[in-house]
Amino acid sequence: MKKISVIMPVYNDKGFLRAMLQSLKKQTFQDFEVIIVNDGSTDGSEAIIDEFANEDSRFIKVNQKNQGVSAARNKALDMAKGEYLAFADADDLVPEHAYESLYQIASENKADLVVGGYKMDTGLSSQRNARMVNIAKKAQIQPDDEDLIHSFALWNKLFRREIVEQFHIRFEPLKHVEDAVFLYSYLQHARWIFTCSAEVYTYFKRIPLLGTSTTQTLRPGLLEDAIKAQERTLELISGWSEEFQEEMRYKFLNTTIIGDYYRRLWVLDADTSDTLFRQIRKDKQRVSEDNWERIVKNNEELQLEPRLREQKDIGALPLLCITLSPALNVEETNDILASLYNQNLPNFEVVADEAYRDVIPEIYLDKPNLRFIEGRQSVRTIFNKALDSTNAPYILFVDLPIVFDLNSLKTMWKTLSKADADFLSLRMIGFKNRKKASLWIMEQVFRKEHMEDMDKQKKYNPLDWMLCNKLFDTAALRSREISLSGNSAKDVRHCFASMSCKKSRSGVIAFLGEKERLIREAGDLNDELRREYQDAQQQKA
């Protein structure tokens, strides 16, 4: 009998599957089996599964017609022989020491459940789950631990298979948040729950440029299943403490209904949007007043009060205005739009030149937050017309080919709105061949000691010449009667001289162009900065 059975459903994950299977094969803990259920893939995923199954008997392939993730996992559960069960998704990664760390704690404590840490990675940035960091400090927890509520995911946990089989715990026919129902069905019977401080999983929520996997797509029916999962989970814990149930209601509304769906308002169809707004109103009545206030405060950039903002409301009065330069080509513009409409902050408008109306994807054309400036305009004209006409209190001008990380706009707004500054400058990174890379000029500008020393700030500010990484207070630009010239280096130099700036490393924007362009178009650099750059390039070569 294997120590661990890894359950993995696969459906059209060809672009990510090989890396995941390789991460399993590289585990320092070797006594496991991987039951891979090919759920009717049509993209070539099966060939990759065959490759691993033919080379390593621990990788077991099972084919079935497409029935969804829950049915695929149940098929694997029926076959599993391991002492413990682990779950993995085909588009993620498992760190090489993960199963060794989890199983050591499980075996030493005869644990029913072991909970480890994990991080979320977008392809541009990553962050650890704070609740799991808190849990790790406790060593042992109870089933009604409130931190556990905030991690429904199964893939950072080990489950004792004996309990799953004894009580015949299986996945209910749901396509979203099915993890919560399985976990709280299991927790009815688990008593010995221990924690693991190691990071045992990397969950990917990729930017659109890196490809969207099936687990990230908001397909029709997902919200309805998430609502069903919510009701089922609340039913499972109906005999638990009122405080615990209240935290669960808060979690579902804050993280699932608002976090997973309302924050992605622009990718929902009309029927799903209607369902979403009805559910938010319903759930608002079920949480306490204190927890609703907590939700409003935690999501202040969504402006949930005095009433929920629909797409047309955002179009009429956005929080941010994103203005696209007409100098960007069609591909660059489409990359930017894809990253914008997948932001975790939907409260924005996009302003573009009329010339783009016939070349950008049709899915954007009916969005009430996309508006065009009539006539073929220069960079100078489009930027100034956007500044003059927007109702948004904050504005950003996209003058270079970039894409935003999932939380770029949220991070920029949050930082600037709480700073005593007229505009914010955010660090950029390079992005080439689908991989991130450092940019020398950004590392100089945003080096901690350079940011904290005013003289060094002034020295390196000429390297921070672009507009696309800067969020401006619209009123501050207007009050100083700033008119943009179309020359970014000149305009930014003027802003640094006449306005206050807050610099931040707390988020990233990815620059898609050649890094040499950043130094070539920087404008009036002094000889010292140019020598520093040349020396850095020679050392790298």
Protein backbone atom coordinates (compact mmCIF):
# COMPACT_ATOMS: atom_id res chain seq x y z
CA MET A 1 0.00 0.00 0.00
CA LYS A 2 1.28 3.43 -0.95
CA LYS A 3 1.57 6.07 1.74
CA ILE A 4 -0.13 8.79 -0.37
CA SER A 5 -2.59 8.67 -3.25
CA VAL A 6 -2.57 11.88 -5.27
CA ILE A 7 -5.91 12.63 -6.96
CA MET A 8 -5.65 14.67 -10.17
CA PRO A 9 -8.42 15.45 -12.68
CA VAL A 10 -7.28 16.64 -16.12
CA TYR A 11 -9.35 18.44 -18.69
CA ASN A 12 -7.60 20.24 -21.56
CA ASP A 13 -4.58 21.33 -19.51
CA LYS A 14 -1.89 20.56 -22.10
CA GLY A 15 -0.08 23.85 -21.58
CA PHE A 16 0.53 23.27 -17.86
CA LEU A 17 0.21 19.53 -17.28
CA ARG A 18 3.78 18.45 -18.01
CA ALA A 19 5.23 20.89 -15.46
CA MET A 20 2.81 19.65 -12.80
CA LEU A 21 3.59 15.97 -13.40
CA GLN A 22 7.30 16.72 -13.36
CA SER A 23 6.91 18.48 -10.02
CA LEU A 24 5.33 15.31 -8.64
CA LYS A 25 8.04 13.10 -10.08
CA LYS A 26 10.69 15.27 -8.39
CA GLN A 27 9.22 14.81 -4.91
CA THR A 28 11.77 13.89 -2.24
CA PHE A 29 9.04 11.63 -0.83
CA GLN A 30 8.65 8.73 -3.26
CA ASP A 31 6.04 6.41 -1.75
CA PHE A 32 2.98 7.70 -3.60
CA GLU A 33 0.71 6.99 -6.53
CA VAL A 34 -0.85 9.57 -8.82
CA ILE A 35 -4.29 8.69 -10.15
CA ILE A 36 -4.80 10.91 -13.19
CA VAL A 37 -8.36 11.02 -14.48
CA ASN A 38 -8.44 12.27 -18.05
CA ASP A 39 -11.90 13.83 -18.09
CA GLY A 40 -12.47 13.78 -21.85
CA SER A 41 -9.56 16.05 -22.85
CA THR A 42 -9.36 16.93 -26.55
CA ASP A 43 -6.20 19.08 -26.59
CA GLY A 44 -3.41 16.49 -26.40
CA SER A 45 -3.31 16.22 -22.61
CA GLU A 46 -3.77 12.44 -22.87
CA ALA A 47 -0.46 12.02 -24.71
CA ILE A 48 1.38 13.73 -21.85
CA ILE A 49 -0.36 11.52 -19.30
CA ASP A 50 0.60 8.43 -21.35
CA GLU A 51 4.22 9.55 -21.39
CA PHE A 52 4.42 9.67 -17.60
CA ALA A 53 2.31 6.54 -17.06
CA ASN A 54 4.50 4.52 -19.44
CA GLU A 55 7.72 5.64 -17.77
CA ASP A 56 6.65 5.40 -14.11
CA SER A 57 4.16 2.85 -12.73
CA ARG A 58 3.19 5.26 -9.94
CA PHE A 59 1.38 7.40 -12.53
CA ILE A 60 -1.95 5.74 -13.30
CA LYS A 61 -4.15 6.96 -16.15
CA VAL A 62 -7.92 6.63 -16.15
CA ASN A 63 -10.06 7.81 -19.08
CA GLN A 64 -13.67 8.91 -18.83
CA LYS A 65 -16.10 11.00 -20.85
CA ASN A 66 -16.20 14.62 -19.73
CA GLN A 67 -18.23 14.73 -16.51
CA GLY A 68 -16.58 17.52 -14.56
CA VAL A 69 -14.07 17.81 -11.75
CA SER A 70 -16.22 16.25 -9.03
CA ALA A 71 -16.96 13.07 -11.00
CA ALA A 72 -13.29 12.80 -11.99
CA ARG A 73 -12.14 13.04 -8.39
CA ASN A 74 -14.74 10.49 -7.28
CA LYS A 75 -13.49 8.06 -9.93
CA ALA A 76 -9.97 8.43 -8.52
CA LEU A 77 -11.18 8.06 -4.93
CA ASP A 78 -12.76 4.74 -5.82
CA MET A 79 -9.36 3.51 -7.02
CA ALA A 80 -7.08 5.05 -4.37
CA LYS A 81 -5.09 2.71 -2.11
CA GLY A 82 -2.94 5.16 -0.16
CA GLU A 83 -2.91 5.65 3.58
CA TYR A 84 -3.48 9.36 2.96
CA LEU A 85 -5.07 11.31 0.14
CA ALA A 86 -3.66 14.42 -1.53
CA PHE A 87 -5.32 16.50 -4.22
CA ALA A 88 -3.67 18.40 -7.07
CA ASP A 89 -4.85 20.40 -10.08
CA ALA A 90 -3.18 19.91 -13.45
CA ASP A 91 -2.26 23.59 -13.90
CA ASP A 92 -0.40 24.10 -10.60
CA LEU A 93 2.89 22.91 -9.03
CA VAL A 94 3.89 20.94 -5.94
CA PRO A 95 7.20 21.97 -4.29
CA GLU A 96 9.63 19.07 -4.12
CA HIS A 97 9.60 18.67 -0.31
CA ALA A 98 5.81 19.03 0.02
CA TYR A 99 4.72 15.42 0.54
CA GLU A 100 7.73 14.61 2.69
CA SER A 101 6.85 17.50 5.02
CA LEU A 102 3.14 16.65 5.14
CA TYR A 103 3.58 12.91 5.62
CA GLN A 104 6.17 13.29 8.36
CA ILE A 105 3.70 15.27 10.47
CA ALA A 106 0.84 12.90 9.57
CA SER A 107 2.75 9.75 10.54
CA GLU A 108 4.29 11.16 13.72
CA ASN A 109 0.90 12.30 15.04
CA LYS A 110 -1.42 9.70 13.49
CA ALA A 111 -3.20 12.74 12.09
CA ASP A 112 -6.63 12.73 10.49
CA LEU A 113 -5.78 15.90 8.60
CA VAL A 114 -2.59 17.88 7.99
CA VAL A 115 -2.81 21.47 6.72
CA GLY A 116 0.18 23.13 5.04
CA GLY A 117 1.02 26.52 3.62
CA TYR A 118 0.66 27.57 0.00
CA LYS A 119 1.25 30.51 -2.27
CA MET A 120 -0.71 32.03 -5.14
CA ASP A 121 1.30 32.87 -8.28
CA THR A 122 0.11 35.01 -11.21
CA GLY A 123 3.19 34.53 -13.36
CA LEU A 124 4.31 38.05 -12.40
CA SER A 125 4.04 37.96 -8.62
CA SER A 126 3.37 35.54 -5.79
CA GLN A 127 2.19 35.72 -2.21
CA ARG A 128 1.67 33.31 0.64
CA ASN A 129 -1.76 32.74 2.10
CA ALA A 130 -1.73 34.70 5.37
CA ARG A 131 -4.34 32.53 7.06
CA MET A 132 -2.21 29.44 6.48
CA VAL A 133 0.76 31.24 8.02
CA ASN A 134 -1.41 31.84 11.10
CA ILE A 135 -2.52 28.22 11.20
CA ALA A 136 1.05 26.93 11.05
CA LYS A 137 1.84 28.75 14.29
CA LYS A 138 -0.80 26.73 16.15
CA ALA A 139 0.66 23.24 15.48
CA GLN A 140 -2.67 21.57 16.26
CA ILE A 141 -6.15 22.93 15.55
CA GLN A 142 -9.80 22.01 15.99
CA PRO A 143 -12.28 21.42 13.13
CA ASP A 144 -13.94 24.77 13.91
CA ASP A 145 -10.75 26.81 13.65
CA GLU A 146 -11.77 30.10 12.02
CA ASP A 147 -8.54 30.39 10.03
CA LEU A 148 -9.38 27.08 8.35
CA ILE A 149 -12.60 28.65 7.02
CA HIS A 150 -10.45 30.88 4.84
CA SER A 151 -8.81 27.98 3.01
CA PHE A 152 -11.40 25.67 1.46
CA ALA A 153 -8.75 24.36 -0.94
CA LEU A 154 -7.87 20.68 -0.73
CA TRP A 155 -4.47 20.73 -2.36
CA ASN A 156 -2.54 21.97 0.71
CA LYS A 157 -3.88 19.15 2.88
CA LEU A 158 -3.48 15.42 3.58
CA PHE A 159 -6.65 13.44 4.38
CA ARG A 160 -6.73 10.03 6.04
CA ARG A 161 -8.28 7.73 3.45
CA GLU A 162 -9.73 5.42 6.12
CA ILE A 163 -12.10 8.20 7.24
CA VAL A 164 -13.09 9.04 3.66
CA GLU A 165 -13.99 5.40 3.01
CA GLN A 166 -15.59 4.68 6.40
CA PHE A 167 -18.08 7.52 5.95
CA HIS A 168 -18.12 7.28 2.14
CA ILE A 169 -17.26 10.94 1.67
CA ARG A 170 -17.39 11.90 -2.00
CA PHE A 171 -17.64 15.04 -4.09
CA GLU A 172 -21.11 16.34 -4.77
CA PRO A 173 -21.96 17.22 -8.40
CA LEU A 174 -20.71 20.81 -8.25
CA LYS A 175 -18.32 22.72 -10.51
CA HIS A 176 -17.20 25.44 -8.08
CA VAL A 177 -16.46 25.53 -4.33
CA GLU A 178 -16.99 21.78 -4.26
CA ASP A 179 -13.85 21.71 -2.10
CA ALA A 180 -15.71 23.36 0.79
CA VAL A 181 -18.44 20.73 0.81
CA PHE A 182 -15.91 17.89 0.76
CA LEU A 183 -13.76 19.49 3.48
CA TYR A 184 -16.61 20.16 5.90
CA SER A 185 -18.12 16.74 5.24
CA TYR A 186 -14.74 15.33 6.25
CA LEU A 187 -14.36 17.62 9.27
CA GLN A 188 -17.51 16.13 10.78
CA HIS A 189 -15.35 13.10 11.54
CA ALA A 190 -11.77 14.41 11.85
CA ARG A 191 -10.39 14.99 15.34
CA TRP A 192 -6.61 14.99 15.10
CA ILE A 193 -5.74 17.97 12.91
CA PHE A 194 -2.16 19.16 12.71
CA THR A 195 -0.44 21.93 10.78
CA CYS A 196 2.69 22.10 8.66
CA SER A 197 4.77 25.26 8.36
CA ALA A 198 6.18 24.25 4.97
CA GLU A 199 4.86 25.69 1.73
CA VAL A 200 3.33 22.60 0.12
CA TYR A 201 1.55 23.93 -2.97
CA THR A 202 1.76 26.64 -5.62
CA TYR A 203 -1.64 27.65 -6.92
CA PHE A 204 -1.55 29.53 -10.22
CA LYS A 205 -3.99 32.26 -11.13
CA ARG A 206 -2.27 33.40 -14.28
CA ILE A 207 -2.45 36.70 -16.12
CA PRO A 208 -4.25 36.31 -19.50
CA LEU A 209 -0.98 36.62 -21.46
CA LEU A 210 0.14 33.30 -19.97
CA GLY A 211 -3.05 31.51 -20.90
CA THR A 212 -6.18 30.86 -18.87
CA SER A 213 -6.64 27.32 -17.63
CA THR A 214 -9.99 25.59 -17.21
CA THR A 215 -9.85 26.13 -13.45
CA GLN A 216 -9.72 29.92 -13.94
CA THR A 217 -12.50 30.32 -16.50
CA LEU A 218 -15.83 31.68 -15.25
CA ARG A 219 -18.02 29.39 -17.30
CA PRO A 220 -21.84 29.58 -17.20
CA GLY A 221 -23.23 27.69 -14.24
CA LEU A 222 -20.22 28.16 -11.97
CA LEU A 223 -21.85 30.85 -9.85
CA GLU A 224 -25.00 28.79 -9.43
CA ASP A 225 -22.89 25.86 -8.22
CA ALA A 226 -20.93 28.13 -5.88
CA ILE A 227 -24.25 29.22 -4.34
CA LYS A 228 -25.33 25.59 -3.97
CA ALA A 229 -21.98 24.78 -2.34
CA GLN A 230 -22.49 27.67 0.07
CA GLU A 231 -25.91 26.42 1.14
CA ARG A 232 -24.64 22.85 1.48
CA THR A 233 -21.66 23.91 3.60
CA LEU A 234 -23.83 26.04 5.87
CA GLU A 235 -26.12 23.03 6.26
CA LEU A 236 -23.15 20.83 7.26
CA ILE A 237 -22.09 23.24 10.03
CA SER A 238 -25.60 24.12 11.20
CA GLY A 239 -24.93 22.50 14.58
CA TRP A 240 -21.65 24.34 15.14
CA SER A 241 -21.31 27.57 17.11
CA GLU A 242 -23.13 30.69 15.88
CA GLU A 243 -19.79 32.57 15.83
CA PHE A 244 -18.36 29.93 13.49
CA GLN A 245 -21.41 29.99 11.23
CA GLU A 246 -21.29 33.78 11.05
CA GLU A 247 -17.62 33.69 10.00
CA MET A 248 -18.51 31.14 7.32
CA ARG A 249 -21.27 33.39 5.97
CA TYR A 250 -18.78 36.28 5.93
CA LYS A 251 -16.20 34.13 4.12
CA PHE A 252 -18.61 33.11 1.37
CA LEU A 253 -19.88 36.63 0.75
CA ASN A 254 -16.50 38.39 1.00
CA THR A 255 -14.23 35.90 -0.73
CA THR A 256 -16.41 33.79 -3.00
CA ILE A 257 -19.41 35.87 -4.08
CA ILE A 258 -17.67 39.26 -4.10
CA GLY A 259 -14.05 38.17 -4.47
CA ASP A 260 -14.44 35.50 -7.15
CA TYR A 261 -17.39 36.96 -9.04
CA TYR A 262 -18.13 40.65 -8.39
CA ARG A 263 -14.46 41.53 -8.76
CA ARG A 264 -14.61 39.92 -12.21
CA LEU A 265 -17.79 41.66 -13.20
CA TRP A 266 -16.61 42.45 -16.73
CA VAL A 267 -16.25 38.79 -17.75
CA LEU A 268 -19.72 37.72 -16.58
CA ASP A 269 -22.63 37.29 -18.97
CA ALA A 270 -25.90 39.15 -18.30
CA ASP A 271 -27.69 36.21 -16.68
CA THR A 272 -24.77 35.50 -14.33
CA SER A 273 -24.59 39.18 -13.40
CA ASP A 274 -28.28 39.20 -12.50
CA THR A 275 -27.83 36.09 -10.35
CA LEU A 276 -24.77 37.64 -8.71
CA PHE A 277 -26.54 40.85 -7.68
CA ARG A 278 -29.49 38.94 -6.27
CA GLN A 279 -27.16 36.73 -4.26
CA ILE A 280 -25.15 39.63 -2.84
CA ARG A 281 -28.37 41.31 -1.67
CA LYS A 282 -29.55 38.05 -0.13
CA ASP A 283 -26.25 37.32 1.62
CA LYS A 284 -26.01 40.89 2.87
CA GLN A 285 -29.16 40.24 4.89
CA ARG A 286 -27.67 37.05 6.35
CA VAL A 287 -24.41 38.48 7.70
CA SER A 288 -24.28 40.69 10.77
CA GLU A 289 -24.13 44.47 10.38
CA ASP A 290 -20.58 44.40 11.74
CA ASN A 291 -19.51 41.87 9.11
CA TRP A 292 -21.16 43.82 6.31
CA GLU A 293 -19.26 46.90 7.46
CA ARG A 294 -16.13 44.73 7.52
CA ILE A 295 -16.79 43.67 3.91
CA VAL A 296 -17.39 47.26 2.78
CA LYS A 297 -14.16 48.36 4.44
CA ASN A 298 -12.12 45.46 3.06
CA ASN A 299 -13.42 46.22 -0.43
CA GLU A 300 -13.60 50.00 -0.31
CA GLU A 301 -12.38 50.39 -3.91
CA LEU A 302 -15.54 48.53 -5.05
CA GLN A 303 -17.75 51.25 -3.51
CA LEU A 304 -20.40 48.75 -2.33
CA GLU A 305 -22.38 51.46 -0.56
CA PRO A 306 -24.82 53.17 -0.78
CA ARG A 307 -25.79 50.53 -3.37
CA LEU A 308 -24.14 47.89 -5.54
CA ARG A 309 -22.56 49.34 -8.64
CA GLU A 310 -23.53 47.64 -11.88
CA GLN A 311 -21.57 47.88 -15.13
CA LYS A 312 -23.48 50.96 -16.32
CA ASP A 313 -22.83 52.70 -12.97
CA ILE A 314 -19.10 52.11 -13.30
CA GLY A 315 -19.14 53.37 -16.86
CA ALA A 316 -20.83 56.60 -15.75
CA LEU A 317 -18.65 57.22 -12.69
CA PRO A 318 -15.49 55.10 -12.60
CA LEU A 319 -12.85 55.19 -9.91
CA LEU A 320 -9.96 54.98 -12.38
CA CYS A 321 -9.51 56.13 -15.96
CA ILE A 322 -7.07 54.11 -18.10
CA THR A 323 -6.12 55.97 -21.28
CA LEU A 324 -4.45 54.07 -24.12
CA SER A 325 -1.91 55.72 -26.40
CA PRO A 326 -2.79 55.58 -30.12
CA ALA A 327 0.88 54.76 -30.74
CA LEU A 328 0.33 51.23 -29.42
CA ASN A 329 -0.18 48.59 -32.08
CA VAL A 330 -3.21 46.29 -32.20
CA GLU A 331 -1.51 43.34 -30.49
CA GLU A 332 -0.18 45.55 -27.68
CA THR A 333 -3.60 47.13 -27.20
CA ASN A 334 -5.33 43.75 -27.03
CA ASP A 335 -2.83 42.47 -24.46
CA ILE A 336 -3.48 45.53 -22.30
CA LEU A 337 -7.26 45.18 -22.61
CA ALA A 338 -7.12 41.48 -21.66
CA SER A 339 -5.12 42.29 -18.54
CA LEU A 340 -7.44 45.18 -17.63
CA TYR A 341 -10.66 43.22 -17.94
CA ASN A 342 -9.24 40.50 -15.70
CA GLN A 343 -8.24 42.91 -12.94
CA ASN A 344 -9.42 42.30 -9.39
CA LEU A 345 -10.60 45.91 -9.41
CA PRO A 346 -13.46 46.31 -11.93
CA ASN A 347 -14.13 49.96 -11.07
CA PHE A 348 -12.43 51.58 -14.09
CA GLU A 349 -13.04 53.00 -17.54
CA VAL A 350 -10.89 52.66 -20.66
CA VAL A 351 -10.41 55.54 -23.10
CA ALA A 352 -9.05 54.81 -26.59
CA ASP A 353 -8.72 56.41 -29.99
CA GLU A 354 -11.65 55.93 -32.40
CA ALA A 355 -9.25 54.18 -34.81
CA TYR A 356 -9.21 51.12 -32.55
CA ARG A 357 -12.97 50.52 -32.78
CA ASP A 358 -12.61 48.26 -35.84
CA VAL A 359 -9.59 46.25 -34.69
CA ILE A 360 -10.06 45.38 -31.02
CA PRO A 361 -11.97 42.19 -30.13
CA GLU A 362 -15.74 42.53 -30.34
CA ILE A 363 -16.22 41.36 -26.74
CA TYR A 364 -15.03 44.76 -25.53
CA LEU A 365 -17.12 46.97 -27.79
CA ASP A 366 -20.36 46.76 -25.80
CA LYS A 367 -18.69 47.35 -22.44
CA PRO A 368 -20.16 50.52 -20.90
CA ASN A 369 -16.76 51.40 -19.43
CA LEU A 370 -15.00 51.56 -22.83
CA ARG A 371 -15.31 54.86 -24.68
CA PHE A 372 -13.62 56.24 -27.76
CA ILE A 373 -12.33 59.72 -28.55
CA GLU A 374 -13.62 60.52 -32.04
CA GLY A 375 -11.21 61.07 -34.89
CA ARG A 376 -7.65 59.87 -35.29
CA GLN A 377 -5.78 61.67 -32.55
CA SER A 378 -2.17 62.24 -31.56
CA VAL A 379 -0.86 60.92 -28.25
CA ARG A 380 -0.94 64.45 -26.89
CA THR A 381 -4.56 65.04 -27.91
CA ILE A 382 -5.93 61.71 -26.68
CA PHE A 383 -4.25 62.03 -23.28
CA ASN A 384 -5.44 65.60 -22.72
CA LYS A 385 -8.99 64.89 -23.93
CA ALA A 386 -9.19 61.94 -21.55
CA LEU A 387 -7.95 64.11 -18.69
CA ASP A 388 -10.46 66.83 -19.49
CA SER A 389 -13.46 64.53 -19.92
CA THR A 390 -13.13 61.78 -17.33
CA ASN A 391 -15.28 61.61 -14.22
CA ALA A 392 -12.73 59.34 -12.52
CA PRO A 393 -10.79 60.77 -9.56
CA TYR A 394 -7.67 58.87 -10.67
CA ILE A 395 -6.10 58.51 -14.12
CA LEU A 396 -3.34 56.44 -15.74
CA PHE A 397 -1.84 56.96 -19.20
CA VAL A 398 -0.57 53.85 -21.03
CA ASP A 399 2.27 54.99 -23.27
CA LEU A 400 4.24 51.72 -23.57
CA PRO A 401 3.39 48.06 -24.24
CA ILE A 402 2.61 46.67 -20.79
CA VAL A 403 0.30 44.27 -19.03
CA PHE A 404 -1.04 44.61 -15.53
CA ASP A 405 -0.75 41.98 -12.84
CA LEU A 406 -4.11 40.84 -11.45
CA ASN A 407 -3.92 43.29 -8.54
CA SER A 408 -1.97 46.15 -10.15
CA LEU A 409 -4.83 48.67 -10.24
CA LYS A 410 -6.04 47.71 -6.78
CA THR A 411 -2.54 48.10 -5.35
CA MET A 412 -1.94 51.44 -7.08
CA TRP A 413 -5.25 52.91 -5.97
CA LYS A 414 -4.95 51.63 -2.41
CA THR A 415 -1.42 53.00 -2.02
CA LEU A 416 -2.09 56.41 -3.56
CA SER A 417 -5.45 56.94 -1.83
CA LYS A 418 -3.74 56.55 1.55
CA ALA A 419 -0.61 58.54 0.69
CA ASP A 420 -0.04 62.26 0.96
CA ALA A 421 0.97 62.49 -2.69
CA ASP A 422 -0.32 63.66 -6.06
CA PHE A 423 0.73 60.57 -7.98
CA LEU A 424 2.13 57.09 -7.49
CA SER A 425 4.95 55.40 -9.37
CA LEU A 426 4.92 51.59 -9.33
CA ARG A 427 7.84 49.28 -10.08
CA MET A 428 7.89 47.56 -13.47
CA ILE A 429 9.52 44.29 -14.44
CA GLY A 430 10.50 42.89 -17.81
CA PHE A 431 8.54 40.13 -19.52
CA LYS A 432 10.00 38.21 -22.43
CA ASN A 433 9.39 34.71 -23.80
CA ARG A 434 6.56 34.31 -21.26
CA LYS A 435 8.96 34.79 -18.36
CA LYS A 436 9.51 37.72 -16.01
CA ALA A 437 12.88 39.44 -15.78
CA SER A 438 14.37 42.31 -13.84
CA LEU A 439 14.87 45.72 -15.44
CA TRP A 440 18.06 47.47 -14.40
CA ILE A 441 16.56 50.95 -14.56
CA MET A 442 13.60 49.95 -12.38
CA GLU A 443 15.84 48.23 -9.85
CA GLN A 444 17.83 51.45 -9.48
CA VAL A 445 14.75 53.64 -9.13
CA PHE A 446 13.02 51.34 -6.66
CA ARG A 447 15.99 50.18 -4.63
CA LYS A 448 15.09 50.77 -0.99
CA GLU A 449 18.06 53.00 -0.19
CA HIS A 450 17.41 55.07 -3.32
CA MET A 451 13.76 55.54 -2.42
CA GLU A 452 14.58 56.66 1.11
CA ASP A 453 17.29 59.20 0.18
CA MET A 454 15.95 62.36 -1.50
CA ASP A 455 19.23 63.09 -3.28
CA LYS A 456 19.35 59.58 -4.72
CA GLN A 457 15.68 59.82 -5.66
CA LYS A 458 16.44 62.93 -7.71
CA LYS A 459 19.45 61.22 -9.29
CA TYR A 460 17.50 58.17 -10.45
CA ASN A 461 14.17 59.85 -11.26
CA PRO A 462 15.20 60.41 -14.93
CA LEU A 463 15.17 56.62 -15.32
CA ASP A 464 11.54 56.57 -14.17
CA TRP A 465 10.41 58.58 -17.18
CA MET A 466 7.41 56.61 -18.45
CA LEU A 467 3.74 57.36 -17.71
CA CYS A 468 2.35 53.81 -17.79
CA ASN A 469 3.49 52.88 -14.25
CA LYS A 470 2.02 56.02 -12.68
CA LEU A 471 -1.41 56.67 -11.25
CA PHE A 472 -2.34 60.35 -10.95
CA ASP A 473 -4.83 62.18 -8.81
CA THR A 474 -6.99 63.73 -11.55
CA ALA A 475 -7.76 66.84 -9.49
CA ALA A 476 -4.05 67.41 -8.82
CA LEU A 477 -3.28 67.40 -12.56
CA ARG A 478 -6.16 69.75 -13.29
CA SER A 479 -5.41 72.16 -10.45
CA ARG A 480 -1.87 72.63 -11.76
CA GLU A 481 -3.24 73.07 -15.28
CA ILE A 482 -0.86 70.40 -16.56
CA SER A 483 -1.17 69.79 -20.28
CA LEU A 484 0.54 66.65 -21.56
CA SER A 485 2.88 67.17 -24.49
CA GLY A 486 2.97 63.62 -25.87
CA ASN A 487 6.61 63.31 -24.83
CA SER A 488 6.49 61.09 -21.75
CA ALA A 489 9.98 61.88 -20.47
CA LYS A 490 9.27 65.61 -20.67
CA ASP A 491 5.84 65.27 -19.04
CA VAL A 492 7.05 63.07 -16.20
CA ARG A 493 9.99 65.40 -15.55
CA HIS A 494 7.49 68.26 -15.21
CA CYS A 495 5.34 66.20 -12.83
CA PHE A 496 8.29 65.34 -10.60
CA ALA A 497 9.18 69.03 -10.45
CA SER A 498 5.69 70.35 -9.65
CA MET A 499 3.89 67.48 -7.87
CA SER A 500 4.52 65.11 -4.99
CA CYS A 501 5.18 61.45 -5.78
CA LYS A 502 4.89 58.22 -3.79
CA LYS A 503 7.04 55.32 -5.04
CA SER A 504 6.00 51.76 -4.35
CA ARG A 505 7.41 48.25 -4.79
CA SER A 506 4.22 46.61 -3.50
CA GLY A 507 2.95 45.57 -6.93
CA VAL A 508 4.20 45.10 -10.46
CA ILE A 509 3.48 46.02 -14.05
CA ALA A 510 5.14 44.01 -16.83
CA PHE A 511 6.86 45.83 -19.69
CA LEU A 512 6.60 43.81 -22.92
CA GLY A 513 9.05 45.76 -25.06
CA GLU A 514 12.82 45.64 -25.46
CA LYS A 515 14.57 46.88 -22.31
CA GLU A 516 16.95 49.00 -24.40
CA ARG A 517 13.97 51.14 -25.34
CA LEU A 518 13.62 52.30 -21.74
CA ILE A 519 17.10 53.76 -21.66
CA ARG A 520 16.98 55.00 -25.28
CA GLU A 521 13.81 57.05 -24.76
CA ALA A 522 14.64 58.27 -21.27
CA GLY A 523 15.41 61.79 -22.45
CA ASP A 524 18.00 63.93 -20.69
CA LEU A 525 20.08 61.41 -18.76
CA ASN A 526 23.35 62.63 -17.33
CA ASP A 527 26.62 60.93 -18.20
CA GLU A 528 26.87 59.24 -14.79
CA LEU A 529 23.57 57.37 -15.24
CA ARG A 530 24.48 56.32 -18.76
CA ARG A 531 27.84 54.98 -17.56
CA GLU A 532 26.14 53.06 -14.74
CA TYR A 533 23.78 51.45 -17.24
CA GLN A 534 26.60 50.58 -19.67
CA ASP A 535 28.70 49.09 -16.88
CA ALA A 536 25.75 47.00 -15.67
CA GLN A 537 25.15 45.70 -19.20
CA GLN A 538 28.82 44.79 -19.66
CA GLN A 539 28.91 42.93 -16.35
CA LYS A 540 25.79 41.01 -17.28
CA ALA A 541 27.27 40.11 -20.67
